[in-house]
Amino acid sequence: MWLADSNPSPHDYWVGIALLDSHLYEIFRIS
């Protein structure tokens, strides 16, 4: 998991945020 990285690069950080955000969006959109 990208959060487990002790020193994630900004790119990896924002990719993780984008994936999490889109995942939460799907959850709220379906419910």
PDB file of N, CA and C in Angstrom:
ATOM      1  N   MET A   1       0.849  -1.192   0.000  1.00  0.00           N
ATOM      2  CA  MET A   1       0.000   0.000   0.000  1.00  0.00           C
ATOM      3  C   MET A   1       0.883   1.239   0.000  1.00  0.00           C
ATOM      4  N   TRP A   2       0.491   2.206  -0.798  1.00  0.00           N
ATOM      5  CA  TRP A   2       1.325   3.406  -0.941  1.00  0.00           C
ATOM      6  C   TRP A   2       1.484   4.167   0.376  1.00  0.00           C
ATOM      7  N   LEU A   3       0.509   4.047   1.280  1.00  0.00           N
ATOM      8  CA  LEU A   3       0.612   4.746   2.552  1.00  0.00           C
ATOM      9  C   LEU A   3       1.728   4.178   3.421  1.00  0.00           C
ATOM     10  N   ALA A   4       2.094   2.918   3.177  1.00  0.00           N
ATOM     11  CA  ALA A   4       3.122   2.269   3.984  1.00  0.00           C
ATOM     12  C   ALA A   4       4.528   2.743   3.624  1.00  0.00           C
ATOM     13  N   ASP A   5       4.680   3.420   2.494  1.00  0.00           N
ATOM     14  CA  ASP A   5       5.996   3.899   2.078  1.00  0.00           C
ATOM     15  C   ASP A   5       6.469   4.991   3.043  1.00  0.00           C
ATOM     16  N   SER A   6       7.676   4.842   3.582  1.00  0.00           N
ATOM     17  CA  SER A   6       8.193   5.799   4.552  1.00  0.00           C
ATOM     18  C   SER A   6       8.533   7.141   3.903  1.00  0.00           C
ATOM     19  N   ASN A   7       8.788   7.118   2.591  1.00  0.00           N
ATOM     20  CA  ASN A   7       9.131   8.358   1.900  1.00  0.00           C
ATOM     21  C   ASN A   7       8.576   8.324   0.478  1.00  0.00           C
ATOM     22  N   PRO A   8       7.250   8.412   0.342  1.00  0.00           N
ATOM     23  CA  PRO A   8       6.633   8.332  -0.977  1.00  0.00           C
ATOM     24  C   PRO A   8       6.958   9.558  -1.813  1.00  0.00           C
ATOM     25  N   SER A   9       7.119   9.364  -3.100  1.00  0.00           N
ATOM     26  CA  SER A   9       7.355  10.500  -3.982  1.00  0.00           C
ATOM     27  C   SER A   9       6.043  11.260  -4.153  1.00  0.00           C
ATOM     28  N   PRO A  10       6.092  12.558  -4.463  1.00  0.00           N
ATOM     29  CA  PRO A  10       4.869  13.337  -4.675  1.00  0.00           C
ATOM     30  C   PRO A  10       3.956  12.685  -5.705  1.00  0.00           C
ATOM     31  N   HIS A  11       4.556  12.103  -6.745  1.00  0.00           N
ATOM     32  CA  HIS A  11       3.754  11.458  -7.789  1.00  0.00           C
ATOM     33  C   HIS A  11       2.952  10.305  -7.193  1.00  0.00           C
ATOM     34  N   ASP A  12       3.624   9.424  -6.457  1.00  0.00           N
ATOM     35  CA  ASP A  12       2.935   8.289  -5.853  1.00  0.00           C
ATOM     36  C   ASP A  12       1.870   8.762  -4.871  1.00  0.00           C
ATOM     37  N   TYR A  13       2.177   9.836  -4.140  1.00  0.00           N
ATOM     38  CA  TYR A  13       1.234  10.369  -3.162  1.00  0.00           C
ATOM     39  C   TYR A  13      -0.048  10.834  -3.842  1.00  0.00           C
ATOM     40  N   TRP A  14       0.089  11.631  -4.896  1.00  0.00           N
ATOM     41  CA  TRP A  14      -1.093  12.156  -5.568  1.00  0.00           C
ATOM     42  C   TRP A  14      -1.859  11.091  -6.324  1.00  0.00           C
ATOM     43  N   VAL A  15      -1.139  10.077  -6.862  1.00  0.00           N
ATOM     44  CA  VAL A  15      -1.826   8.955  -7.508  1.00  0.00           C
ATOM     45  C   VAL A  15      -2.673   8.219  -6.474  1.00  0.00           C
ATOM     46  N   GLY A  16      -2.128   8.018  -5.288  1.00  0.00           N
ATOM     47  CA  GLY A  16      -2.873   7.350  -4.223  1.00  0.00           C
ATOM     48  C   GLY A  16      -4.101   8.156  -3.823  1.00  0.00           C
ATOM     49  N   ILE A  17      -3.936   9.473  -3.705  1.00  0.00           N
ATOM     50  CA  ILE A  17      -5.059  10.344  -3.364  1.00  0.00           C
ATOM     51  C   ILE A  17      -6.144  10.262  -4.437  1.00  0.00           C
ATOM     52  N   ALA A  18      -5.729  10.304  -5.697  1.00  0.00           N
ATOM     53  CA  ALA A  18      -6.688  10.253  -6.799  1.00  0.00           C
ATOM     54  C   ALA A  18      -7.457   8.935  -6.796  1.00  0.00           C
ATOM     55  N   LEU A  19      -6.741   7.835  -6.552  1.00  0.00           N
ATOM     56  CA  LEU A  19      -7.397   6.529  -6.520  1.00  0.00           C
ATOM     57  C   LEU A  19      -8.380   6.452  -5.361  1.00  0.00           C
ATOM     58  N   LEU A  20      -7.967   6.946  -4.199  1.00  0.00           N
ATOM     59  CA  LEU A  20      -8.839   6.924  -3.034  1.00  0.00           C
ATOM     60  C   LEU A  20     -10.069   7.788  -3.276  1.00  0.00           C
ATOM     61  N   ASP A  21      -9.872   8.986  -3.832  1.00  0.00           N
ATOM     62  CA  ASP A  21     -10.959   9.907  -4.094  1.00  0.00           C
ATOM     63  C   ASP A  21     -11.965   9.312  -5.071  1.00  0.00           C
ATOM     64  N   SER A  22     -11.467   8.701  -6.150  1.00  0.00           N
ATOM     65  CA  SER A  22     -12.363   8.113  -7.141  1.00  0.00           C
ATOM     66  C   SER A  22     -13.113   6.933  -6.539  1.00  0.00           C
ATOM     67  N   HIS A  23     -12.453   6.181  -5.660  1.00  0.00           N
ATOM     68  CA  HIS A  23     -13.090   5.037  -5.017  1.00  0.00           C
ATOM     69  C   HIS A  23     -14.224   5.518  -4.108  1.00  0.00           C
ATOM     70  N   LEU A  24     -13.969   6.571  -3.331  1.00  0.00           N
ATOM     71  CA  LEU A  24     -14.997   7.112  -2.455  1.00  0.00           C
ATOM     72  C   LEU A  24     -16.145   7.679  -3.278  1.00  0.00           C
ATOM     73  N   TYR A  25     -15.838   8.307  -4.399  1.00  0.00           N
ATOM     74  CA  TYR A  25     -16.868   8.857  -5.278  1.00  0.00           C
ATOM     75  C   TYR A  25     -17.791   7.753  -5.769  1.00  0.00           C
ATOM     76  N   GLU A  26     -17.212   6.626  -6.177  1.00  0.00           N
ATOM     77  CA  GLU A  26     -18.009   5.490  -6.650  1.00  0.00           C
ATOM     78  C   GLU A  26     -18.931   4.984  -5.540  1.00  0.00           C
ATOM     79  N   ILE A  27     -18.408   4.898  -4.319  1.00  0.00           N
ATOM     80  CA  ILE A  27     -19.215   4.428  -3.190  1.00  0.00           C
ATOM     81  C   ILE A  27     -20.408   5.362  -2.970  1.00  0.00           C
ATOM     82  N   PHE A  28     -20.166   6.652  -2.930  1.00  0.00           N
ATOM     83  CA  PHE A  28     -21.244   7.602  -2.686  1.00  0.00           C
ATOM     84  C   PHE A  28     -22.217   7.665  -3.852  1.00  0.00           C
ATOM     85  N   ARG A  29     -21.711   7.485  -5.061  1.00  0.00           N
ATOM     86  CA  ARG A  29     -22.564   7.559  -6.245  1.00  0.00           C
ATOM     87  C   ARG A  29     -23.527   6.373  -6.286  1.00  0.00           C
ATOM     88  N   ILE A  30     -23.029   5.195  -5.884  1.00  0.00           N
ATOM     89  CA  ILE A  30     -23.863   3.992  -5.911  1.00  0.00           C
ATOM     90  C   ILE A  30     -24.904   4.021  -4.790  1.00  0.00           C
ATOM     91  N   SER A  31     -24.509   4.488  -3.619  1.00  0.00           N
ATOM     92  CA  SER A  31     -25.411   4.472  -2.474  1.00  0.00           C
ATOM     93  C   SER A  31     -26.445   5.596  -2.540  1.00  0.00           C
TER      94      SER A  31
END
